[in-house]
Amino acid sequence: MQSKQQIIIFIGPDRCGKTEIAKELSRQLEIPYFKNERQDRFFLDGKDMIDILHSDGDFALRFLRDTGYSIIRDREFPCEFVYARAFGRKTDEEFIFYLDEEYAKLNTLFVYCFKDEYKDFRDEYIKKEKVKELREGYELFMRKSKNQFVTIETSDENLEGQINFIKGVLS
């Protein structure tokens, strides 16, 4: 069992490299990676998203707090804050910032990934023009959050450099 809990959550606009970086960091640090596919299906239309936010958000928080387990998450409640604003749908910001405060007590590190330039942007749900609005939403969330953030501009797609940067922050 490892001595210090590490909770690392990757956030950022679509197609910025979060998943690839998170999976590689998970492999190198030997910390489990988790992406809640249930959340992914509903980010855009918001169907049942408030219920998912409450049930999954509360469960994940209690599980991590009670077990002391380490995890690397791909997307989480900050993404709900951003997507709800960008797509004009209802959410529960009070609960989002409750989760934010509780995760801060667990010394969570958020890794915010973004690209200044997309060489070839293809996404079945998000138009390239929406990415700027998503970035602005993440920047707003970071200003309001009580958590620690690191920001990685991922246009260069330098996975080794990105991983080394994050590991340097963690040490």
N, C-alpha and C. Protein backbone atom coordinates (compact mmCIF):
# COMPACT_ATOMS: atom_id res chain seq x y z
N MET A 1 0.85 -1.19 0.00
CA MET A 1 0.00 0.00 0.00
C MET A 1 0.89 1.25 0.00
N GLN A 2 0.56 2.19 -0.86
CA GLN A 2 1.38 3.40 -0.91
C GLN A 2 1.11 4.29 0.29
N SER A 3 2.08 5.10 0.63
CA SER A 3 2.00 5.85 1.87
C SER A 3 1.16 7.13 1.76
N LYS A 4 1.14 7.77 0.61
CA LYS A 4 0.44 9.04 0.48
C LYS A 4 -0.59 8.97 -0.65
N GLN A 5 -1.82 9.31 -0.33
CA GLN A 5 -2.87 9.31 -1.33
C GLN A 5 -2.57 10.38 -2.38
N GLN A 6 -2.76 10.01 -3.64
CA GLN A 6 -2.63 10.97 -4.74
C GLN A 6 -3.90 10.91 -5.57
N ILE A 7 -4.54 12.05 -5.69
CA ILE A 7 -5.73 12.17 -6.54
C ILE A 7 -5.37 13.19 -7.61
N ILE A 8 -5.38 12.73 -8.84
CA ILE A 8 -5.02 13.57 -9.98
C ILE A 8 -6.19 13.52 -10.95
N ILE A 9 -6.72 14.67 -11.30
CA ILE A 9 -7.88 14.73 -12.19
C ILE A 9 -7.52 15.56 -13.42
N PHE A 10 -7.69 14.95 -14.58
CA PHE A 10 -7.42 15.62 -15.85
C PHE A 10 -8.69 16.26 -16.37
N ILE A 11 -8.56 17.53 -16.75
CA ILE A 11 -9.69 18.27 -17.33
C ILE A 11 -9.19 19.05 -18.53
N GLY A 12 -10.12 19.49 -19.35
CA GLY A 12 -9.78 20.31 -20.51
C GLY A 12 -10.74 20.05 -21.65
N PRO A 13 -10.68 20.91 -22.67
CA PRO A 13 -11.57 20.75 -23.83
C PRO A 13 -11.32 19.43 -24.56
N ASP A 14 -12.29 19.06 -25.34
CA ASP A 14 -12.19 17.84 -26.13
C ASP A 14 -10.97 17.86 -27.04
N ARG A 15 -10.41 16.69 -27.24
CA ARG A 15 -9.32 16.46 -28.20
C ARG A 15 -8.01 17.17 -27.84
N CYS A 16 -7.79 17.39 -26.54
CA CYS A 16 -6.56 18.08 -26.15
C CYS A 16 -5.49 17.11 -25.63
N GLY A 17 -5.79 15.82 -25.57
CA GLY A 17 -4.79 14.85 -25.16
C GLY A 17 -4.91 14.35 -23.73
N LYS A 18 -5.96 14.73 -23.03
CA LYS A 18 -6.13 14.34 -21.62
C LYS A 18 -5.99 12.84 -21.40
N THR A 19 -6.72 12.08 -22.18
CA THR A 19 -6.80 10.64 -21.97
C THR A 19 -5.44 9.99 -22.18
N GLU A 20 -4.76 10.33 -23.23
CA GLU A 20 -3.44 9.74 -23.50
C GLU A 20 -2.46 10.05 -22.38
N ILE A 21 -2.44 11.30 -21.94
CA ILE A 21 -1.53 11.71 -20.87
C ILE A 21 -1.90 11.00 -19.57
N ALA A 22 -3.19 10.99 -19.24
CA ALA A 22 -3.65 10.37 -17.99
C ALA A 22 -3.32 8.88 -17.95
N LYS A 23 -3.54 8.19 -19.05
CA LYS A 23 -3.25 6.74 -19.09
C LYS A 23 -1.76 6.46 -18.94
N GLU A 24 -0.93 7.27 -19.59
CA GLU A 24 0.51 7.06 -19.49
C GLU A 24 1.00 7.39 -18.08
N LEU A 25 0.49 8.46 -17.49
CA LEU A 25 0.87 8.79 -16.12
C LEU A 25 0.45 7.67 -15.17
N SER A 26 -0.74 7.13 -15.39
CA SER A 26 -1.22 6.01 -14.59
C SER A 26 -0.27 4.83 -14.69
N ARG A 27 0.16 4.52 -15.88
CA ARG A 27 1.08 3.40 -16.09
C ARG A 27 2.40 3.64 -15.36
N GLN A 28 2.93 4.85 -15.51
CA GLN A 28 4.24 5.12 -14.91
C GLN A 28 4.19 5.21 -13.39
N LEU A 29 3.13 5.78 -12.85
CA LEU A 29 3.03 5.93 -11.39
C LEU A 29 2.39 4.73 -10.71
N GLU A 30 1.85 3.83 -11.53
CA GLU A 30 1.13 2.66 -11.02
C GLU A 30 -0.03 3.06 -10.11
N ILE A 31 -0.75 4.06 -10.57
CA ILE A 31 -1.97 4.54 -9.91
C ILE A 31 -3.12 4.23 -10.87
N PRO A 32 -4.21 3.64 -10.39
CA PRO A 32 -5.32 3.29 -11.28
C PRO A 32 -5.88 4.51 -12.02
N TYR A 33 -6.22 4.29 -13.29
CA TYR A 33 -6.85 5.29 -14.15
C TYR A 33 -8.34 4.96 -14.21
N PHE A 34 -9.18 6.00 -14.19
CA PHE A 34 -10.61 5.78 -14.30
C PHE A 34 -11.25 6.92 -15.08
N LYS A 35 -12.07 6.54 -16.05
CA LYS A 35 -12.90 7.50 -16.78
C LYS A 35 -14.33 6.99 -16.70
N ASN A 36 -15.20 7.81 -16.19
CA ASN A 36 -16.61 7.43 -16.04
C ASN A 36 -17.30 7.61 -17.39
N GLU A 37 -17.44 6.55 -18.12
CA GLU A 37 -18.07 6.61 -19.44
C GLU A 37 -19.52 7.07 -19.34
N ARG A 38 -20.13 6.85 -18.20
CA ARG A 38 -21.51 7.29 -18.01
C ARG A 38 -21.62 8.81 -18.12
N GLN A 39 -20.63 9.52 -17.59
CA GLN A 39 -20.64 10.98 -17.69
C GLN A 39 -20.46 11.41 -19.14
N ASP A 40 -19.55 10.79 -19.85
CA ASP A 40 -19.25 11.17 -21.22
C ASP A 40 -20.49 11.21 -22.10
N ARG A 41 -21.36 10.23 -21.93
CA ARG A 41 -22.54 10.14 -22.80
C ARG A 41 -23.48 11.33 -22.62
N PHE A 42 -23.42 11.99 -21.48
CA PHE A 42 -24.43 13.01 -21.19
C PHE A 42 -23.89 14.44 -21.13
N PHE A 43 -22.60 14.64 -21.31
CA PHE A 43 -22.04 15.98 -21.17
C PHE A 43 -22.69 16.99 -22.09
N LEU A 44 -23.05 16.59 -23.28
CA LEU A 44 -23.53 17.56 -24.25
C LEU A 44 -25.01 17.89 -24.09
N ASP A 45 -25.85 16.88 -23.97
CA ASP A 45 -27.27 17.18 -23.89
C ASP A 45 -27.76 17.36 -22.46
N GLY A 46 -26.95 16.96 -21.49
CA GLY A 46 -27.30 17.18 -20.10
C GLY A 46 -28.31 16.20 -19.55
N LYS A 47 -28.74 15.24 -20.36
CA LYS A 47 -29.72 14.27 -19.92
C LYS A 47 -29.23 13.57 -18.65
N ASP A 48 -29.99 13.71 -17.61
CA ASP A 48 -29.68 13.06 -16.33
C ASP A 48 -28.36 13.53 -15.71
N MET A 49 -27.76 14.59 -16.22
CA MET A 49 -26.44 14.97 -15.76
C MET A 49 -26.43 15.42 -14.31
N ILE A 50 -27.46 16.10 -13.87
CA ILE A 50 -27.51 16.54 -12.47
C ILE A 50 -27.58 15.32 -11.55
N ASP A 51 -28.38 14.32 -11.92
CA ASP A 51 -28.44 13.09 -11.13
C ASP A 51 -27.10 12.37 -11.11
N ILE A 52 -26.44 12.31 -12.25
CA ILE A 52 -25.12 11.67 -12.33
C ILE A 52 -24.12 12.45 -11.48
N LEU A 53 -24.15 13.77 -11.59
CA LEU A 53 -23.26 14.62 -10.80
C LEU A 53 -23.42 14.32 -9.32
N HIS A 54 -24.66 14.27 -8.85
CA HIS A 54 -24.92 14.03 -7.43
C HIS A 54 -24.53 12.62 -7.00
N SER A 55 -25.02 11.62 -7.70
CA SER A 55 -24.77 10.25 -7.25
C SER A 55 -23.31 9.85 -7.44
N ASP A 56 -22.78 10.04 -8.63
CA ASP A 56 -21.39 9.64 -8.88
C ASP A 56 -20.41 10.54 -8.15
N GLY A 57 -20.69 11.83 -8.13
CA GLY A 57 -19.79 12.77 -7.45
C GLY A 57 -19.69 12.49 -5.97
N ASP A 58 -20.83 12.26 -5.34
CA ASP A 58 -20.84 11.97 -3.91
C ASP A 58 -20.17 10.63 -3.63
N PHE A 59 -20.48 9.61 -4.43
CA PHE A 59 -19.89 8.29 -4.21
C PHE A 59 -18.37 8.34 -4.36
N ALA A 60 -17.88 8.94 -5.43
CA ALA A 60 -16.43 9.00 -5.67
C ALA A 60 -15.72 9.73 -4.54
N LEU A 61 -16.28 10.85 -4.11
CA LEU A 61 -15.69 11.61 -3.03
C LEU A 61 -15.62 10.78 -1.75
N ARG A 62 -16.72 10.18 -1.36
CA ARG A 62 -16.74 9.38 -0.13
C ARG A 62 -15.79 8.20 -0.22
N PHE A 63 -15.76 7.54 -1.37
CA PHE A 63 -14.87 6.40 -1.57
C PHE A 63 -13.41 6.81 -1.39
N LEU A 64 -13.01 7.88 -2.03
CA LEU A 64 -11.62 8.33 -1.93
C LEU A 64 -11.29 8.81 -0.52
N ARG A 65 -12.20 9.54 0.08
CA ARG A 65 -11.96 10.05 1.43
C ARG A 65 -11.85 8.89 2.43
N ASP A 66 -12.74 7.90 2.29
CA ASP A 66 -12.79 6.81 3.28
C ASP A 66 -11.70 5.76 3.08
N THR A 67 -11.25 5.56 1.86
CA THR A 67 -10.27 4.49 1.61
C THR A 67 -8.83 4.99 1.58
N GLY A 68 -8.63 6.26 1.24
CA GLY A 68 -7.28 6.76 1.08
C GLY A 68 -6.61 6.29 -0.21
N TYR A 69 -7.38 5.67 -1.10
CA TYR A 69 -6.84 5.19 -2.37
C TYR A 69 -6.41 6.34 -3.26
N SER A 70 -5.45 6.07 -4.09
CA SER A 70 -5.00 7.02 -5.10
C SER A 70 -5.72 6.70 -6.42
N ILE A 71 -5.87 7.73 -7.24
CA ILE A 71 -6.55 7.54 -8.53
C ILE A 71 -6.14 8.65 -9.49
N ILE A 72 -6.18 8.32 -10.75
CA ILE A 72 -6.07 9.31 -11.83
C ILE A 72 -7.39 9.27 -12.56
N ARG A 73 -8.11 10.40 -12.55
CA ARG A 73 -9.43 10.49 -13.18
C ARG A 73 -9.31 11.27 -14.48
N ASP A 74 -10.12 10.88 -15.42
CA ASP A 74 -10.21 11.54 -16.72
C ASP A 74 -11.59 12.18 -16.78
N ARG A 75 -11.64 13.47 -16.57
CA ARG A 75 -12.85 14.28 -16.46
C ARG A 75 -13.44 14.13 -15.06
N GLU A 76 -14.14 15.15 -14.64
CA GLU A 76 -14.81 15.13 -13.35
C GLU A 76 -15.70 16.36 -13.27
N PHE A 77 -16.11 16.73 -12.08
CA PHE A 77 -17.10 17.79 -11.88
C PHE A 77 -16.73 19.13 -12.52
N PRO A 78 -15.45 19.54 -12.64
CA PRO A 78 -15.18 20.80 -13.33
C PRO A 78 -15.68 20.78 -14.79
N CYS A 79 -15.64 19.61 -15.39
CA CYS A 79 -16.11 19.48 -16.77
C CYS A 79 -17.61 19.73 -16.85
N GLU A 80 -18.34 19.28 -15.85
CA GLU A 80 -19.78 19.55 -15.82
C GLU A 80 -20.04 21.05 -15.70
N PHE A 81 -19.27 21.73 -14.87
CA PHE A 81 -19.39 23.19 -14.75
C PHE A 81 -19.22 23.84 -16.12
N VAL A 82 -18.18 23.44 -16.83
CA VAL A 82 -17.83 24.06 -18.11
C VAL A 82 -18.85 23.72 -19.20
N TYR A 83 -19.19 22.46 -19.34
CA TYR A 83 -20.09 22.05 -20.42
C TYR A 83 -21.51 22.57 -20.22
N ALA A 84 -21.97 22.62 -18.98
CA ALA A 84 -23.30 23.16 -18.72
C ALA A 84 -23.37 24.63 -19.15
N ARG A 85 -22.34 25.39 -18.84
CA ARG A 85 -22.29 26.80 -19.24
C ARG A 85 -22.20 26.94 -20.75
N ALA A 86 -21.32 26.16 -21.37
CA ALA A 86 -21.09 26.28 -22.81
C ALA A 86 -22.31 25.87 -23.63
N PHE A 87 -23.09 24.93 -23.11
CA PHE A 87 -24.24 24.44 -23.87
C PHE A 87 -25.57 24.92 -23.30
N GLY A 88 -25.48 25.87 -22.34
CA GLY A 88 -26.69 26.51 -21.83
C GLY A 88 -27.67 25.57 -21.16
N ARG A 89 -27.16 24.62 -20.41
CA ARG A 89 -28.07 23.70 -19.73
C ARG A 89 -27.93 23.83 -18.21
N LYS A 90 -28.94 23.37 -17.55
CA LYS A 90 -29.01 23.46 -16.10
C LYS A 90 -28.01 22.50 -15.44
N THR A 91 -27.43 22.96 -14.34
CA THR A 91 -26.57 22.11 -13.53
C THR A 91 -26.71 22.55 -12.08
N ASP A 92 -25.91 22.01 -11.20
CA ASP A 92 -25.95 22.37 -9.79
C ASP A 92 -24.58 22.90 -9.38
N GLU A 93 -24.36 24.19 -9.60
CA GLU A 93 -23.06 24.78 -9.30
C GLU A 93 -22.75 24.76 -7.80
N GLU A 94 -23.77 24.85 -6.97
CA GLU A 94 -23.54 24.78 -5.53
C GLU A 94 -22.90 23.43 -5.16
N PHE A 95 -23.42 22.36 -5.73
CA PHE A 95 -22.87 21.03 -5.46
C PHE A 95 -21.48 20.89 -6.07
N ILE A 96 -21.28 21.45 -7.25
CA ILE A 96 -19.97 21.40 -7.90
C ILE A 96 -18.92 22.04 -6.99
N PHE A 97 -19.24 23.19 -6.40
CA PHE A 97 -18.26 23.85 -5.55
C PHE A 97 -18.16 23.23 -4.16
N TYR A 98 -19.18 22.49 -3.75
CA TYR A 98 -19.05 21.65 -2.56
C TYR A 98 -18.01 20.56 -2.83
N LEU A 99 -18.14 19.87 -3.98
CA LEU A 99 -17.15 18.85 -4.35
C LEU A 99 -15.77 19.46 -4.46
N ASP A 100 -15.68 20.64 -5.05
CA ASP A 100 -14.40 21.31 -5.20
C ASP A 100 -13.73 21.51 -3.84
N GLU A 101 -14.49 21.99 -2.90
CA GLU A 101 -13.95 22.24 -1.56
C GLU A 101 -13.51 20.94 -0.88
N GLU A 102 -14.31 19.90 -1.03
CA GLU A 102 -13.97 18.61 -0.41
C GLU A 102 -12.74 17.98 -1.06
N TYR A 103 -12.62 18.08 -2.38
CA TYR A 103 -11.43 17.55 -3.06
C TYR A 103 -10.18 18.34 -2.68
N ALA A 104 -10.35 19.62 -2.43
CA ALA A 104 -9.21 20.43 -1.98
C ALA A 104 -8.68 19.91 -0.65
N LYS A 105 -9.56 19.45 0.22
CA LYS A 105 -9.15 18.89 1.51
C LYS A 105 -8.33 17.61 1.32
N LEU A 106 -8.50 16.96 0.17
CA LEU A 106 -7.76 15.72 -0.14
C LEU A 106 -6.49 16.01 -0.94
N ASN A 107 -6.15 17.29 -1.06
CA ASN A 107 -4.94 17.70 -1.81
C ASN A 107 -4.94 17.22 -3.25
N THR A 108 -6.06 17.34 -3.88
CA THR A 108 -6.23 16.92 -5.27
C THR A 108 -5.44 17.84 -6.19
N LEU A 109 -4.85 17.26 -7.21
CA LEU A 109 -4.17 18.02 -8.26
C LEU A 109 -5.00 17.90 -9.53
N PHE A 110 -5.40 19.03 -10.07
CA PHE A 110 -6.06 19.06 -11.37
C PHE A 110 -5.03 19.38 -12.43
N VAL A 111 -5.06 18.62 -13.50
CA VAL A 111 -4.18 18.86 -14.63
C VAL A 111 -5.07 19.37 -15.76
N TYR A 112 -4.93 20.65 -16.05
CA TYR A 112 -5.72 21.28 -17.10
C TYR A 112 -4.93 21.24 -18.40
N CYS A 113 -5.45 20.53 -19.37
CA CYS A 113 -4.81 20.39 -20.68
C CYS A 113 -5.58 21.21 -21.71
N PHE A 114 -4.86 21.85 -22.60
CA PHE A 114 -5.49 22.57 -23.69
C PHE A 114 -4.51 22.67 -24.85
N LYS A 115 -5.06 22.95 -26.01
CA LYS A 115 -4.23 23.16 -27.20
C LYS A 115 -4.47 24.57 -27.71
N ASP A 116 -3.38 25.28 -28.01
CA ASP A 116 -3.51 26.56 -28.68
C ASP A 116 -3.86 26.37 -30.15
N GLU A 117 -3.44 25.23 -30.67
CA GLU A 117 -3.63 24.98 -32.09
C GLU A 117 -3.97 23.50 -32.31
N TYR A 118 -5.03 23.27 -33.04
CA TYR A 118 -5.40 21.91 -33.43
C TYR A 118 -5.03 21.73 -34.90
N LYS A 119 -4.20 20.73 -35.18
CA LYS A 119 -3.82 20.47 -36.57
C LYS A 119 -5.00 19.89 -37.33
N ASP A 120 -5.70 18.99 -36.72
CA ASP A 120 -6.81 18.29 -37.37
C ASP A 120 -7.87 18.00 -36.33
N PHE A 121 -8.82 18.90 -36.16
CA PHE A 121 -9.85 18.73 -35.14
C PHE A 121 -11.04 18.00 -35.73
N ARG A 122 -11.31 16.83 -35.18
CA ARG A 122 -12.49 16.05 -35.59
C ARG A 122 -13.16 15.54 -34.34
N ASP A 123 -14.41 15.90 -34.18
CA ASP A 123 -15.18 15.42 -33.04
C ASP A 123 -16.63 15.31 -33.49
N GLU A 124 -17.27 14.20 -33.17
CA GLU A 124 -18.64 14.02 -33.65
C GLU A 124 -19.66 14.90 -32.92
N TYR A 125 -19.27 15.48 -31.78
CA TYR A 125 -20.20 16.27 -30.99
C TYR A 125 -19.85 17.75 -30.90
N ILE A 126 -18.57 18.07 -30.83
CA ILE A 126 -18.12 19.43 -30.58
C ILE A 126 -17.58 20.05 -31.86
N LYS A 127 -18.04 21.25 -32.15
CA LYS A 127 -17.47 21.99 -33.28
C LYS A 127 -16.21 22.71 -32.80
N LYS A 128 -15.27 22.85 -33.68
CA LYS A 128 -13.99 23.48 -33.33
C LYS A 128 -14.21 24.88 -32.74
N GLU A 129 -15.20 25.59 -33.22
CA GLU A 129 -15.48 26.95 -32.74
C GLU A 129 -15.88 26.95 -31.26
N LYS A 130 -16.40 25.84 -30.76
CA LYS A 130 -16.86 25.75 -29.37
C LYS A 130 -15.69 25.59 -28.40
N VAL A 131 -14.54 25.17 -28.90
CA VAL A 131 -13.39 24.90 -28.04
C VAL A 131 -12.95 26.15 -27.29
N LYS A 132 -12.97 27.30 -27.93
CA LYS A 132 -12.57 28.54 -27.26
C LYS A 132 -13.48 28.82 -26.06
N GLU A 133 -14.76 28.63 -26.23
CA GLU A 133 -15.71 28.84 -25.14
C GLU A 133 -15.47 27.84 -24.00
N LEU A 134 -15.14 26.61 -24.35
CA LEU A 134 -14.83 25.61 -23.33
C LEU A 134 -13.58 26.01 -22.55
N ARG A 135 -12.56 26.47 -23.27
CA ARG A 135 -11.33 26.92 -22.59
C ARG A 135 -11.63 28.05 -21.62
N GLU A 136 -12.44 29.00 -22.05
CA GLU A 136 -12.80 30.12 -21.17
C GLU A 136 -13.53 29.61 -19.92
N GLY A 137 -14.36 28.60 -20.09
CA GLY A 137 -15.06 28.01 -18.95
C GLY A 137 -14.11 27.35 -17.96
N TYR A 138 -13.12 26.63 -18.49
CA TYR A 138 -12.13 26.02 -17.59
C TYR A 138 -11.32 27.08 -16.87
N GLU A 139 -10.97 28.14 -17.56
CA GLU A 139 -10.20 29.22 -16.92
C GLU A 139 -11.03 29.88 -15.82
N LEU A 140 -12.32 30.05 -16.04
CA LEU A 140 -13.21 30.59 -15.00
C LEU A 140 -13.26 29.63 -13.80
N PHE A 141 -13.41 28.34 -14.09
CA PHE A 141 -13.46 27.38 -12.99
C PHE A 141 -12.19 27.43 -12.16
N MET A 142 -11.05 27.48 -12.82
CA MET A 142 -9.78 27.50 -12.08
C MET A 142 -9.67 28.73 -11.18
N ARG A 143 -10.21 29.85 -11.63
CA ARG A 143 -10.17 31.06 -10.78
C ARG A 143 -11.05 30.90 -9.55
N LYS A 144 -12.13 30.15 -9.66
CA LYS A 144 -13.07 29.97 -8.55
C LYS A 144 -12.69 28.80 -7.63
N SER A 145 -11.91 27.88 -8.12
CA SER A 145 -11.60 26.63 -7.42
C SER A 145 -10.66 26.85 -6.24
N LYS A 146 -10.75 25.94 -5.28
CA LYS A 146 -9.84 25.93 -4.13
C LYS A 146 -8.73 24.90 -4.31
N ASN A 147 -8.72 24.21 -5.43
CA ASN A 147 -7.75 23.15 -5.69
C ASN A 147 -6.49 23.67 -6.35
N GLN A 148 -5.48 22.82 -6.33
CA GLN A 148 -4.22 23.11 -7.02
C GLN A 148 -4.36 22.67 -8.48
N PHE A 149 -3.87 23.52 -9.38
CA PHE A 149 -3.91 23.23 -10.81
C PHE A 149 -2.53 23.32 -11.41
N VAL A 150 -2.28 22.49 -12.40
CA VAL A 150 -1.18 22.69 -13.32
C VAL A 150 -1.79 22.76 -14.70
N THR A 151 -1.19 23.57 -15.53
CA THR A 151 -1.68 23.78 -16.88
C THR A 151 -0.65 23.27 -17.87
N ILE A 152 -1.14 22.51 -18.84
CA ILE A 152 -0.25 21.98 -19.88
C ILE A 152 -0.82 22.32 -21.24
N GLU A 153 -0.06 23.07 -22.01
CA GLU A 153 -0.41 23.35 -23.40
C GLU A 153 0.10 22.16 -24.20
N THR A 154 -0.80 21.44 -24.87
CA THR A 154 -0.47 20.13 -25.44
C THR A 154 -0.32 20.12 -26.96
N SER A 155 -0.26 21.27 -27.60
CA SER A 155 -0.17 21.31 -29.07
C SER A 155 1.04 20.55 -29.61
N ASP A 156 2.14 20.56 -28.85
CA ASP A 156 3.36 19.89 -29.34
C ASP A 156 3.28 18.37 -29.25
N GLU A 157 2.26 17.86 -28.56
CA GLU A 157 2.04 16.42 -28.42
C GLU A 157 3.29 15.69 -27.93
N ASN A 158 4.03 16.34 -27.03
CA ASN A 158 5.24 15.78 -26.46
C ASN A 158 4.88 15.04 -25.17
N LEU A 159 4.43 13.80 -25.32
CA LEU A 159 3.94 13.03 -24.18
C LEU A 159 5.00 12.88 -23.09
N GLU A 160 6.22 12.57 -23.46
CA GLU A 160 7.28 12.39 -22.47
C GLU A 160 7.51 13.68 -21.68
N GLY A 161 7.55 14.80 -22.36
CA GLY A 161 7.74 16.08 -21.68
C GLY A 161 6.57 16.42 -20.77
N GLN A 162 5.36 16.13 -21.22
CA GLN A 162 4.17 16.40 -20.40
C GLN A 162 4.16 15.54 -19.14
N ILE A 163 4.49 14.28 -19.30
CA ILE A 163 4.54 13.37 -18.14
C ILE A 163 5.63 13.82 -17.16
N ASN A 164 6.79 14.15 -17.68
CA ASN A 164 7.89 14.60 -16.80
C ASN A 164 7.52 15.88 -16.06
N PHE A 165 6.82 16.78 -16.71
CA PHE A 165 6.37 18.02 -16.07
C PHE A 165 5.44 17.69 -14.89
N ILE A 166 4.47 16.83 -15.12
CA ILE A 166 3.51 16.48 -14.06
C ILE A 166 4.24 15.76 -12.91
N LYS A 167 5.11 14.83 -13.25
CA LYS A 167 5.86 14.12 -12.20
C LYS A 167 6.73 15.08 -11.39
N GLY A 168 7.26 16.10 -12.04
CA GLY A 168 8.03 17.11 -11.32
C GLY A 168 7.18 17.88 -10.33
N VAL A 169 5.95 18.18 -10.71
CA VAL A 169 5.03 18.88 -9.81
C VAL A 169 4.69 17.99 -8.61
N LEU A 170 4.55 16.70 -8.86
CA LEU A 170 4.15 15.77 -7.80
C LEU A 170 5.27 15.50 -6.80
N SER A 171 6.52 15.69 -7.22
CA SER A 171 7.62 15.33 -6.31
C SER A 171 7.97 16.44 -5.35
